Amino acid sequence: MLDRIALVFVIIGALNWGMVGLFQFDTVAWLFGGTGAVLSRVVYTLVALSGIWTISLLFKEREHHGSVRD
């Protein structure tokens, strides 16, 4: 479950950086009152921690759930 939550935050961060890169528009800052606002900083921190967490997914064995194509 934690892996999925972290992935959601990483996706939010990626989409936000895409908006910054393409349109010079920081969606997180716009939603939460600027880049220095407490809520924006919380979201940025959660995105960063999620990015660090998802590094572990690179080294995790994939679970086998059994499929018809075995």
PDB file of N, CA and C in Angstrom:
ATOM      1  N   MET A   1       0.827  -1.197   0.000  1.00  0.00           N
ATOM      2  CA  MET A   1       0.000   0.000   0.000  1.00  0.00           C
ATOM      3  C   MET A   1       0.872   1.262   0.000  1.00  0.00           C
ATOM      4  N   LEU A   2       1.946   1.229   0.793  1.00  0.00           N
ATOM      5  CA  LEU A   2       2.838   2.387   0.852  1.00  0.00           C
ATOM      6  C   LEU A   2       3.501   2.652  -0.502  1.00  0.00           C
ATOM      7  N   ASP A   3       3.810   1.573  -1.218  1.00  0.00           N
ATOM      8  CA  ASP A   3       4.394   1.717  -2.556  1.00  0.00           C
ATOM      9  C   ASP A   3       3.446   2.476  -3.484  1.00  0.00           C
ATOM     10  N   ARG A   4       2.178   2.147  -3.426  1.00  0.00           N
ATOM     11  CA  ARG A   4       1.192   2.810  -4.294  1.00  0.00           C
ATOM     12  C   ARG A   4       1.013   4.282  -3.923  1.00  0.00           C
ATOM     13  N   ILE A   5       0.975   4.566  -2.641  1.00  0.00           N
ATOM     14  CA  ILE A   5       0.855   5.973  -2.198  1.00  0.00           C
ATOM     15  C   ILE A   5       2.062   6.763  -2.673  1.00  0.00           C
ATOM     16  N   ALA A   6       3.242   6.176  -2.518  1.00  0.00           N
ATOM     17  CA  ALA A   6       4.462   6.848  -2.967  1.00  0.00           C
ATOM     18  C   ALA A   6       4.426   7.074  -4.478  1.00  0.00           C
ATOM     19  N   LEU A   7       3.960   6.083  -5.218  1.00  0.00           N
ATOM     20  CA  LEU A   7       3.873   6.241  -6.672  1.00  0.00           C
ATOM     21  C   LEU A   7       2.900   7.348  -7.061  1.00  0.00           C
ATOM     22  N   VAL A   8       1.806   7.489  -6.339  1.00  0.00           N
ATOM     23  CA  VAL A   8       0.853   8.567  -6.614  1.00  0.00           C
ATOM     24  C   VAL A   8       1.526   9.924  -6.430  1.00  0.00           C
ATOM     25  N   PHE A   9       2.278  10.078  -5.342  1.00  0.00           N
ATOM     26  CA  PHE A   9       2.970  11.345  -5.112  1.00  0.00           C
ATOM     27  C   PHE A   9       4.064  11.594  -6.151  1.00  0.00           C
ATOM     28  N   VAL A  10       4.752  10.550  -6.574  1.00  0.00           N
ATOM     29  CA  VAL A  10       5.766  10.706  -7.624  1.00  0.00           C
ATOM     30  C   VAL A  10       5.105  11.144  -8.932  1.00  0.00           C
ATOM     31  N   ILE A  11       3.953  10.580  -9.241  1.00  0.00           N
ATOM     32  CA  ILE A  11       3.227  10.979 -10.450  1.00  0.00           C
ATOM     33  C   ILE A  11       2.768  12.434 -10.344  1.00  0.00           C
ATOM     34  N   ILE A  12       2.265  12.825  -9.179  1.00  0.00           N
ATOM     35  CA  ILE A  12       1.876  14.224  -8.968  1.00  0.00           C
ATOM     36  C   ILE A  12       3.075  15.137  -9.191  1.00  0.00           C
ATOM     37  N   GLY A  13       4.216  14.757  -8.644  1.00  0.00           N
ATOM     38  CA  GLY A  13       5.426  15.560  -8.823  1.00  0.00           C
ATOM     39  C   GLY A  13       5.863  15.631 -10.274  1.00  0.00           C
ATOM     40  N   ALA A  14       5.777  14.505 -10.964  1.00  0.00           N
ATOM     41  CA  ALA A  14       6.172  14.478 -12.375  1.00  0.00           C
ATOM     42  C   ALA A  14       5.254  15.361 -13.209  1.00  0.00           C
ATOM     43  N   LEU A  15       3.963  15.270 -12.969  1.00  0.00           N
ATOM     44  CA  LEU A  15       3.016  16.122 -13.703  1.00  0.00           C
ATOM     45  C   LEU A  15       3.241  17.599 -13.391  1.00  0.00           C
ATOM     46  N   ASN A  16       3.523  17.901 -12.129  1.00  0.00           N
ATOM     47  CA  ASN A  16       3.787  19.289 -11.761  1.00  0.00           C
ATOM     48  C   ASN A  16       5.042  19.814 -12.459  1.00  0.00           C
ATOM     49  N   TRP A  17       6.111  19.008 -12.470  1.00  0.00           N
ATOM     50  CA  TRP A  17       7.334  19.431 -13.160  1.00  0.00           C
ATOM     51  C   TRP A  17       7.115  19.549 -14.661  1.00  0.00           C
ATOM     52  N   GLY A  18       6.269  18.711 -15.203  1.00  0.00           N
ATOM     53  CA  GLY A  18       5.920  18.830 -16.617  1.00  0.00           C
ATOM     54  C   GLY A  18       5.234  20.156 -16.905  1.00  0.00           C
ATOM     55  N   MET A  19       4.338  20.545 -16.019  1.00  0.00           N
ATOM     56  CA  MET A  19       3.658  21.841 -16.174  1.00  0.00           C
ATOM     57  C   MET A  19       4.652  22.992 -16.051  1.00  0.00           C
ATOM     58  N   VAL A  20       5.583  22.869 -15.124  1.00  0.00           N
ATOM     59  CA  VAL A  20       6.602  23.914 -14.966  1.00  0.00           C
ATOM     60  C   VAL A  20       7.456  24.000 -16.223  1.00  0.00           C
ATOM     61  N   GLY A  21       7.879  22.853 -16.731  1.00  0.00           N
ATOM     62  CA  GLY A  21       8.737  22.835 -17.907  1.00  0.00           C
ATOM     63  C   GLY A  21       8.058  23.313 -19.172  1.00  0.00           C
ATOM     64  N   LEU A  22       6.817  22.911 -19.362  1.00  0.00           N
ATOM     65  CA  LEU A  22       6.115  23.250 -20.596  1.00  0.00           C
ATOM     66  C   LEU A  22       5.469  24.638 -20.563  1.00  0.00           C
ATOM     67  N   PHE A  23       4.901  24.991 -19.420  1.00  0.00           N
ATOM     68  CA  PHE A  23       4.085  26.203 -19.361  1.00  0.00           C
ATOM     69  C   PHE A  23       4.532  27.213 -18.307  1.00  0.00           C
ATOM     70  N   GLN A  24       5.621  26.923 -17.606  1.00  0.00           N
ATOM     71  CA  GLN A  24       6.098  27.765 -16.503  1.00  0.00           C
ATOM     72  C   GLN A  24       4.980  28.017 -15.490  1.00  0.00           C
ATOM     73  N   PHE A  25       4.243  26.951 -15.186  1.00  0.00           N
ATOM     74  CA  PHE A  25       3.117  27.035 -14.259  1.00  0.00           C
ATOM     75  C   PHE A  25       3.264  25.956 -13.201  1.00  0.00           C
ATOM     76  N   ASP A  26       3.426  26.370 -11.956  1.00  0.00           N
ATOM     77  CA  ASP A  26       3.571  25.447 -10.835  1.00  0.00           C
ATOM     78  C   ASP A  26       2.187  25.198 -10.234  1.00  0.00           C
ATOM     79  N   THR A  27       1.607  24.056 -10.570  1.00  0.00           N
ATOM     80  CA  THR A  27       0.248  23.734 -10.145  1.00  0.00           C
ATOM     81  C   THR A  27       0.145  23.628  -8.627  1.00  0.00           C
ATOM     82  N   VAL A  28       1.125  23.021  -7.988  1.00  0.00           N
ATOM     83  CA  VAL A  28       1.103  22.873  -6.536  1.00  0.00           C
ATOM     84  C   VAL A  28       1.103  24.247  -5.875  1.00  0.00           C
ATOM     85  N   ALA A  29       1.971  25.130  -6.328  1.00  0.00           N
ATOM     86  CA  ALA A  29       2.020  26.476  -5.759  1.00  0.00           C
ATOM     87  C   ALA A  29       0.703  27.214  -6.010  1.00  0.00           C
ATOM     88  N   TRP A  30       0.136  27.042  -7.183  1.00  0.00           N
ATOM     89  CA  TRP A  30      -1.125  27.703  -7.512  1.00  0.00           C
ATOM     90  C   TRP A  30      -2.256  27.207  -6.608  1.00  0.00           C
ATOM     91  N   LEU A  31      -2.287  25.893  -6.372  1.00  0.00           N
ATOM     92  CA  LEU A  31      -3.352  25.327  -5.550  1.00  0.00           C
ATOM     93  C   LEU A  31      -3.235  25.686  -4.073  1.00  0.00           C
ATOM     94  N   PHE A  32      -2.005  25.780  -3.587  1.00  0.00           N
ATOM     95  CA  PHE A  32      -1.808  25.899  -2.145  1.00  0.00           C
ATOM     96  C   PHE A  32      -1.225  27.233  -1.687  1.00  0.00           C
ATOM     97  N   GLY A  33      -1.200  28.253  -2.550  1.00  0.00           N
ATOM     98  CA  GLY A  33      -0.841  29.595  -2.093  1.00  0.00           C
ATOM     99  C   GLY A  33       0.598  30.015  -2.266  1.00  0.00           C
ATOM    100  N   GLY A  34       1.280  29.509  -3.261  1.00  0.00           N
ATOM    101  CA  GLY A  34       2.659  29.916  -3.525  1.00  0.00           C
ATOM    102  C   GLY A  34       3.661  28.872  -3.096  1.00  0.00           C
ATOM    103  N   THR A  35       4.886  29.022  -3.599  1.00  0.00           N
ATOM    104  CA  THR A  35       5.907  28.009  -3.315  1.00  0.00           C
ATOM    105  C   THR A  35       6.353  28.015  -1.854  1.00  0.00           C
ATOM    106  N   GLY A  36       6.190  29.141  -1.173  1.00  0.00           N
ATOM    107  CA  GLY A  36       6.609  29.218   0.225  1.00  0.00           C
ATOM    108  C   GLY A  36       5.518  28.877   1.217  1.00  0.00           C
ATOM    109  N   ALA A  37       4.310  28.650   0.740  1.00  0.00           N
ATOM    110  CA  ALA A  37       3.205  28.327   1.641  1.00  0.00           C
ATOM    111  C   ALA A  37       3.438  26.969   2.305  1.00  0.00           C
ATOM    112  N   VAL A  38       2.966  26.853   3.512  1.00  0.00           N
ATOM    113  CA  VAL A  38       3.196  25.635   4.282  1.00  0.00           C
ATOM    114  C   VAL A  38       2.644  24.405   3.553  1.00  0.00           C
ATOM    115  N   LEU A  39       1.432  24.492   3.018  1.00  0.00           N
ATOM    116  CA  LEU A  39       0.854  23.329   2.327  1.00  0.00           C
ATOM    117  C   LEU A  39       1.650  22.946   1.083  1.00  0.00           C
ATOM    118  N   SER A  40       2.121  23.942   0.350  1.00  0.00           N
ATOM    119  CA  SER A  40       2.954  23.645  -0.817  1.00  0.00           C
ATOM    120  C   SER A  40       4.231  22.941  -0.396  1.00  0.00           C
ATOM    121  N   ARG A  41       4.834  23.420   0.656  1.00  0.00           N
ATOM    122  CA  ARG A  41       6.078  22.810   1.138  1.00  0.00           C
ATOM    123  C   ARG A  41       5.842  21.392   1.628  1.00  0.00           C
ATOM    124  N   VAL A  42       4.678  21.137   2.229  1.00  0.00           N
ATOM    125  CA  VAL A  42       4.338  19.780   2.660  1.00  0.00           C
ATOM    126  C   VAL A  42       4.216  18.865   1.441  1.00  0.00           C
ATOM    127  N   VAL A  43       3.523  19.333   0.400  1.00  0.00           N
ATOM    128  CA  VAL A  43       3.375  18.521  -0.809  1.00  0.00           C
ATOM    129  C   VAL A  43       4.731  18.276  -1.450  1.00  0.00           C
ATOM    130  N   TYR A  44       5.573  19.320  -1.574  1.00  0.00           N
ATOM    131  CA  TYR A  44       6.901  19.146  -2.161  1.00  0.00           C
ATOM    132  C   TYR A  44       7.713  18.129  -1.358  1.00  0.00           C
ATOM    133  N   THR A  45       7.604  18.184  -0.040  1.00  0.00           N
ATOM    134  CA  THR A  45       8.345  17.257   0.818  1.00  0.00           C
ATOM    135  C   THR A  45       7.832  15.831   0.649  1.00  0.00           C
ATOM    136  N   LEU A  46       6.506  15.669   0.573  1.00  0.00           N
ATOM    137  CA  LEU A  46       5.943  14.329   0.354  1.00  0.00           C
ATOM    138  C   LEU A  46       6.364  13.761  -0.991  1.00  0.00           C
ATOM    139  N   VAL A  47       6.411  14.613  -2.010  1.00  0.00           N
ATOM    140  CA  VAL A  47       6.865  14.163  -3.337  1.00  0.00           C
ATOM    141  C   VAL A  47       8.327  13.720  -3.263  1.00  0.00           C
ATOM    142  N   ALA A  48       9.151  14.498  -2.585  1.00  0.00           N
ATOM    143  CA  ALA A  48      10.570  14.148  -2.463  1.00  0.00           C
ATOM    144  C   ALA A  48      10.758  12.845  -1.690  1.00  0.00           C
ATOM    145  N   LEU A  49      10.066  12.699  -0.571  1.00  0.00           N
ATOM    146  CA  LEU A  49      10.179  11.467   0.215  1.00  0.00           C
ATOM    147  C   LEU A  49       9.659  10.269  -0.569  1.00  0.00           C
ATOM    148  N   SER A  50       8.602  10.484  -1.338  1.00  0.00           N
ATOM    149  CA  SER A  50       8.063   9.412  -2.177  1.00  0.00           C
ATOM    150  C   SER A  50       9.055   9.008  -3.257  1.00  0.00           C
ATOM    151  N   GLY A  51       9.735   9.984  -3.829  1.00  0.00           N
ATOM    152  CA  GLY A  51      10.762   9.686  -4.820  1.00  0.00           C
ATOM    153  C   GLY A  51      11.873   8.842  -4.230  1.00  0.00           C
ATOM    154  N   ILE A  52      12.277   9.188  -3.030  1.00  0.00           N
ATOM    155  CA  ILE A  52      13.313   8.401  -2.347  1.00  0.00           C
ATOM    156  C   ILE A  52      12.798   6.999  -2.064  1.00  0.00           C
ATOM    157  N   TRP A  53      11.561   6.895  -1.594  1.00  0.00           N
ATOM    158  CA  TRP A  53      10.972   5.586  -1.297  1.00  0.00           C
ATOM    159  C   TRP A  53      10.908   4.706  -2.545  1.00  0.00           C
ATOM    160  N   THR A  54      10.518   5.297  -3.673  1.00  0.00           N
ATOM    161  CA  THR A  54      10.335   4.488  -4.885  1.00  0.00           C
ATOM    162  C   THR A  54      11.651   4.010  -5.484  1.00  0.00           C
ATOM    163  N   ILE A  55      12.771   4.536  -5.036  1.00  0.00           N
ATOM    164  CA  ILE A  55      14.062   3.996  -5.464  1.00  0.00           C
ATOM    165  C   ILE A  55      14.135   2.515  -5.093  1.00  0.00           C
ATOM    166  N   SER A  56      13.549   2.174  -3.948  1.00  0.00           N
ATOM    167  CA  SER A  56      13.578   0.775  -3.506  1.00  0.00           C
ATOM    168  C   SER A  56      12.836  -0.136  -4.476  1.00  0.00           C
ATOM    169  N   LEU A  57      11.870   0.401  -5.226  1.00  0.00           N
ATOM    170  CA  LEU A  57      11.122  -0.422  -6.179  1.00  0.00           C
ATOM    171  C   LEU A  57      12.005  -0.925  -7.320  1.00  0.00           C
ATOM    172  N   LEU A  58      13.087  -0.217  -7.585  1.00  0.00           N
ATOM    173  CA  LEU A  58      14.012  -0.657  -8.628  1.00  0.00           C
ATOM    174  C   LEU A  58      14.691  -1.981  -8.272  1.00  0.00           C
ATOM    175  N   PHE A  59      14.826  -2.228  -6.990  1.00  0.00           N
ATOM    176  CA  PHE A  59      15.567  -3.394  -6.534  1.00  0.00           C
ATOM    177  C   PHE A  59      14.670  -4.478  -5.946  1.00  0.00           C
ATOM    178  N   LYS A  60      13.369  -4.286  -6.009  1.00  0.00           N
ATOM    179  CA  LYS A  60      12.421  -5.220  -5.435  1.00  0.00           C
ATOM    180  C   LYS A  60      12.077  -6.307  -6.453  1.00  0.00           C
ATOM    181  N   GLU A  61      11.996  -7.537  -5.979  1.00  0.00           N
ATOM    182  CA  GLU A  61      11.571  -8.644  -6.836  1.00  0.00           C
ATOM    183  C   GLU A  61      10.110  -8.448  -7.189  1.00  0.00           C
ATOM    184  N   ARG A  62       9.789  -8.701  -8.428  1.00  0.00           N
ATOM    185  CA  ARG A  62       8.391  -8.597  -8.848  1.00  0.00           C
ATOM    186  C   ARG A  62       7.631  -9.801  -8.324  1.00  0.00           C
ATOM    187  N   GLU A  63       6.431  -9.543  -7.821  1.00  0.00           N
ATOM    188  CA  GLU A  63       5.588 -10.624  -7.326  1.00  0.00           C
ATOM    189  C   GLU A  63       4.932 -11.326  -8.502  1.00  0.00           C
ATOM    190  N   HIS A  64       4.832 -12.619  -8.401  1.00  0.00           N
ATOM    191  CA  HIS A  64       4.205 -13.401  -9.461  1.00  0.00           C
ATOM    192  C   HIS A  64       2.799 -13.753  -9.001  1.00  0.00           C
ATOM    193  N   HIS A  65       1.796 -13.320  -9.740  1.00  0.00           N
ATOM    194  CA  HIS A  65       0.415 -13.559  -9.349  1.00  0.00           C
ATOM    195  C   HIS A  65      -0.222 -14.697 -10.123  1.00  0.00           C
ATOM    196  N   GLY A  66       0.522 -15.336 -10.977  1.00  0.00           N
ATOM    197  CA  GLY A  66      -0.009 -16.443 -11.750  1.00  0.00           C
ATOM    198  C   GLY A  66      -1.005 -15.973 -12.795  1.00  0.00           C
ATOM    199  N   SER A  67      -0.682 -16.212 -14.021  1.00  0.00           N
ATOM    200  CA  SER A  67      -1.577 -15.823 -15.095  1.00  0.00           C
ATOM    201  C   SER A  67      -1.741 -16.992 -16.052  1.00  0.00           C
ATOM    202  N   VAL A  68      -2.589 -16.810 -17.001  1.00  0.00           N
ATOM    203  CA  VAL A  68      -2.858 -17.849 -17.987  1.00  0.00           C
ATOM    204  C   VAL A  68      -1.632 -18.112 -18.836  1.00  0.00           C
ATOM    205  N   ARG A  69      -0.784 -17.133 -18.985  1.00  0.00           N
ATOM    206  CA  ARG A  69       0.394 -17.245 -19.860  1.00  0.00           C
ATOM    207  C   ARG A  69       1.604 -17.874 -19.206  1.00  0.00           C
ATOM    208  N   ASP A  70       1.463 -18.528 -18.083  1.00  0.00           N
ATOM    209  CA  ASP A  70       2.616 -19.126 -17.384  1.00  0.00           C
ATOM    210  C   ASP A  70       3.311 -20.151 -18.204  1.00  0.00           C
TER     211      ASP A  70
END
